[in-house]
Amino acid sequence: MASRDRKDPPPPGSGPCEPEAPHERRERKEHESRNQDEALEETFPASDPVSPFVPAKVPK
């Protein structure tokens, strides 16, 4: 696994990332799903839904 969040912008000057393998995608999606389920449980009951993470734009 990488030391940065997958949704973080790449460092300046770095090339394109390698595509993830099917098993890596499945593991990542399962991890994201568990995290969202946990966040939902921690905010229940609440009137506002859990907000999805929106990555920042790459600085120029």
Protein backbone atom coordinates (compact mmCIF):
# COMPACT_ATOMS: atom_id res chain seq x y z
CA MET A 1 0.00 0.00 0.00
CA ALA A 2 1.09 3.56 -0.62
CA SER A 3 1.96 5.90 2.22
CA ARG A 4 -0.47 8.54 0.93
CA ASP A 5 -4.22 8.44 0.44
CA ARG A 6 -5.20 7.28 -3.03
CA LYS A 7 -7.30 10.41 -3.46
CA ASP A 8 -4.46 12.82 -2.64
CA PRO A 9 -3.07 14.64 -5.66
CA PRO A 10 0.25 13.21 -6.90
CA PRO A 11 3.41 15.10 -6.04
CA PRO A 12 4.52 17.61 -8.72
CA GLY A 13 6.75 16.07 -11.36
CA SER A 14 5.63 12.50 -10.75
CA GLY A 15 4.52 10.46 -13.73
CA PRO A 16 1.23 8.65 -14.14
CA CYS A 17 0.46 5.95 -11.57
CA GLU A 18 0.25 2.30 -12.50
CA PRO A 19 -3.30 0.96 -12.74
CA GLU A 20 -4.33 -1.07 -9.72
CA ALA A 21 -4.77 -4.84 -9.97
CA PRO A 22 -8.29 -6.29 -9.66
CA HIS A 23 -7.57 -7.68 -6.17
CA GLU A 24 -6.18 -4.29 -5.05
CA ARG A 25 -9.33 -2.54 -6.32
CA ARG A 26 -11.55 -5.05 -4.50
CA GLU A 27 -9.60 -4.62 -1.24
CA ARG A 28 -9.68 -0.81 -1.57
CA LYS A 29 -13.42 -0.79 -2.24
CA GLU A 30 -14.08 -3.09 0.75
CA HIS A 31 -11.93 -0.84 2.97
CA GLU A 32 -13.76 2.29 1.77
CA SER A 33 -17.10 0.58 2.38
CA ARG A 34 -16.10 -0.40 5.94
CA ASN A 35 -14.91 3.16 6.62
CA GLN A 36 -18.16 4.64 5.35
CA ASP A 37 -20.22 2.16 7.39
CA GLU A 38 -18.23 3.07 10.51
CA ALA A 39 -18.65 6.81 9.85
CA LEU A 40 -22.38 6.31 9.43
CA GLU A 41 -22.62 4.38 12.71
CA GLU A 42 -20.65 7.10 14.53
CA THR A 43 -22.96 9.85 13.27
CA PHE A 44 -26.26 8.03 13.88
CA PRO A 45 -28.77 9.37 14.72
CA ALA A 46 -28.31 12.55 12.77
CA SER A 47 -30.34 14.58 10.34
CA ASP A 48 -27.50 15.15 7.87
CA PRO A 49 -26.05 12.38 5.68
CA VAL A 50 -22.35 11.45 5.74
CA SER A 51 -20.53 13.68 3.28
CA PRO A 52 -18.20 11.98 0.77
CA PHE A 53 -14.56 13.00 0.61
CA VAL A 54 -13.74 15.42 -2.24
CA PRO A 55 -10.04 15.53 -3.11
CA ALA A 56 -8.30 18.88 -3.51
CA LYS A 57 -7.11 20.06 -6.89
CA VAL A 58 -3.41 19.76 -7.70
CA PRO A 59 -1.64 23.06 -6.89
CA LYS A 60 -0.08 24.77 -9.91
